[in-house]
Protein backbone atom coordinates (compact mmCIF):
# COMPACT_ATOMS: atom_id res chain seq x y z
CA MET A 1 28.88 25.99 -34.13
CA ARG A 2 28.85 22.17 -34.31
CA ILE A 3 29.58 22.31 -38.02
CA LEU A 4 32.54 24.59 -37.41
CA ILE A 5 33.92 22.22 -34.78
CA PHE A 6 33.40 19.26 -37.13
CA VAL A 7 35.19 20.99 -40.02
CA PHE A 8 38.04 22.05 -37.75
CA THR A 9 38.38 18.49 -36.41
CA MET A 10 38.44 17.06 -39.94
CA LEU A 11 41.10 19.54 -41.03
CA ILE A 12 43.25 18.68 -38.02
CA GLY A 13 42.76 14.98 -38.80
CA LEU A 14 43.85 15.40 -42.41
CA ALA A 15 46.82 17.50 -41.39
CA GLY A 16 47.78 14.83 -38.89
CA CYS A 17 47.71 12.19 -41.63
CA GLY A 18 50.04 14.30 -43.74
CA LEU A 19 47.74 14.03 -46.75
CA GLU A 20 47.52 16.97 -49.06
CA THR A 21 45.98 17.85 -52.39
CA LYS A 22 48.32 16.93 -55.25
CA THR A 23 48.41 16.33 -58.97
CA LEU A 24 49.67 13.08 -60.53
CA PRO A 25 53.05 14.57 -61.49
CA GLU A 26 53.52 15.50 -57.81
CA PHE A 27 52.69 11.94 -56.74
CA TYR A 28 54.84 10.41 -59.47
CA GLY A 29 58.14 11.36 -57.93
CA GLY A 30 60.07 11.35 -61.19
CA ASN A 31 59.70 12.88 -64.61
CA ILE A 32 56.24 11.81 -65.76
CA ASP A 33 57.19 12.76 -69.34
CA LYS A 34 59.47 9.70 -69.39
CA VAL A 35 56.53 7.26 -69.20
CA THR A 36 56.84 4.82 -72.13
CA LYS A 37 53.90 2.50 -71.46
CA ILE A 38 50.53 2.74 -69.72
CA VAL A 39 48.40 -0.26 -68.75
CA ILE A 40 44.77 0.43 -67.92
CA LEU A 41 42.83 -2.33 -66.18
CA ASP A 42 39.04 -2.12 -66.25
CA GLY A 43 38.03 -3.36 -62.81
CA SER A 44 34.44 -4.01 -63.85
CA THR A 45 35.28 -6.35 -66.75
CA GLY A 46 38.73 -7.75 -65.96
CA TYR A 47 40.05 -6.57 -69.33
CA LYS A 48 43.10 -4.39 -69.81
CA LYS A 49 44.51 -2.20 -72.55
CA THR A 50 48.20 -1.47 -73.00
CA VAL A 51 49.35 1.78 -74.59
CA LYS A 52 52.87 2.07 -76.02
CA ASP A 53 52.31 4.83 -78.59
CA LYS A 54 54.22 7.86 -77.19
CA LYS A 55 51.80 10.37 -78.73
CA VAL A 56 48.80 8.65 -77.12
CA ILE A 57 50.68 8.48 -73.80
CA ASP A 58 51.61 12.16 -73.99
CA ASP A 59 48.01 13.13 -74.86
CA PHE A 60 46.73 11.06 -71.93
CA LEU A 61 49.19 12.64 -69.49
CA LYS A 62 48.44 16.13 -70.81
CA GLU A 63 44.74 15.61 -70.08
CA ILE A 64 45.20 14.35 -66.52
CA LYS A 65 48.30 16.21 -65.31
CA ASP A 66 46.40 19.15 -63.81
CA ILE A 67 43.64 17.15 -62.13
CA LYS A 68 43.79 17.67 -58.38
CA PHE A 69 43.53 14.66 -56.07
CA ILE A 70 42.00 15.79 -52.80
CA PRO A 71 42.20 13.56 -49.69
CA GLU A 72 38.93 11.95 -48.63
CA ALA A 73 37.92 12.64 -45.05
CA ASN A 74 37.11 8.93 -44.63
CA GLN A 75 40.29 6.89 -45.08
CA GLU A 76 38.70 3.54 -44.15
CA LYS A 77 39.63 0.63 -46.43
CA GLN A 78 37.54 0.45 -49.61
CA VAL A 79 37.05 -2.46 -51.97
CA GLY A 80 37.02 -2.40 -55.77
CA TYR A 81 37.87 0.12 -58.44
CA ARG A 82 36.69 1.15 -61.89
CA TYR A 83 40.17 1.50 -63.38
CA SER A 84 43.72 0.79 -62.30
CA ILE A 85 46.38 2.70 -64.20
CA THR A 86 50.02 1.63 -64.23
CA PHE A 87 52.90 3.66 -65.66
CA PHE A 88 56.15 2.16 -66.96
CA GLU A 89 59.48 3.58 -68.05
CA ASP A 90 61.37 1.30 -70.45
CA GLY A 91 59.66 -1.84 -69.15
CA LYS A 92 60.00 -0.95 -65.46
CA LYS A 93 56.83 -0.33 -63.43
CA THR A 94 57.15 3.14 -61.93
CA PHE A 95 53.70 4.07 -60.57
CA GLN A 96 50.23 2.63 -60.10
CA PHE A 97 47.00 4.28 -58.98
CA THR A 98 43.23 4.13 -59.21
CA PRO A 99 41.03 7.20 -59.54
CA ILE A 100 40.22 6.93 -55.83
CA GLU A 101 43.41 5.48 -54.31
CA ILE A 102 47.02 6.58 -54.54
CA ASN A 103 49.74 5.12 -52.31
CA ASP A 104 47.14 3.41 -50.08
CA ASP A 105 45.32 6.69 -49.39
CA TYR A 106 41.87 7.67 -50.71
CA TYR A 107 41.11 10.72 -52.82
CA TYR A 108 38.46 12.33 -54.96
CA SER A 109 39.44 14.37 -57.99
CA GLU A 110 38.68 17.87 -59.24
CA PRO A 111 37.64 17.82 -61.96
CA ASP A 112 36.32 14.27 -61.73
CA ILE A 113 38.75 11.96 -63.57
CA HIS A 114 36.19 9.16 -64.10
CA PRO A 115 34.43 10.60 -67.20
CA PHE A 116 37.80 11.18 -68.89
CA LEU A 117 38.99 7.63 -68.12
CA ASP A 118 35.69 6.13 -69.34
CA SER A 119 35.96 8.02 -72.63
CA PHE A 120 39.67 7.38 -73.06
CA TYR A 121 39.36 3.64 -72.43
CA GLU A 122 36.38 3.23 -74.76
CA LYS A 123 37.98 5.21 -77.61
CA LEU A 124 41.41 3.65 -77.22
CA GLU A 125 42.15 1.67 -80.37
CA VAL A 126 44.09 -1.05 -78.62
CA LYS A 127 43.09 -4.70 -78.30
CA GLU A 128 41.69 -5.62 -74.90
CA GLU A 129 43.37 -8.47 -73.06
CA ASP A 130 41.31 -10.71 -70.79
CA LEU A 131 42.90 -11.13 -67.35
CA ARG A 132 40.24 -13.44 -65.95
C-alpha cells in the first residue's frame, strides 16, 4: 500500500511539473532536419568535436531521433555531464542538451543514449579541439 501511495504521489508530482516523456525532435521545436552543424563537448576531457558533414549529421539524428527522454523523479540540481550536444542551423545555435538535462529539467533515456554517444564521439573522424 505504501508503494502505491509513493508511486501515485510521484506521478502527481511529475504531472504538476508539466514534464512528460519526449523525443529530441519534440524538444527541438523546429525542423530538426535543418540542423547544419553539431558540436559535441566531452565533459570529462574538455575537448570538443564539430560536425558539419550533412550525411554524418543526418546519420546522427536518425540514430537518436526515436530515443525517449523520460523525466527523472528527482529534479534536484545536478553537477557535471559526460557530453553536451549543441545543434546549429546556418551558424545560429538552435538547441543544446546533455544526455541527462534538457531545458533545465533532468531525464533518463530509453534506450540509454550514453553508449551511442560514446561510440559516435570515439569513431567521429573530426579533429578534437581543446577548450581548457
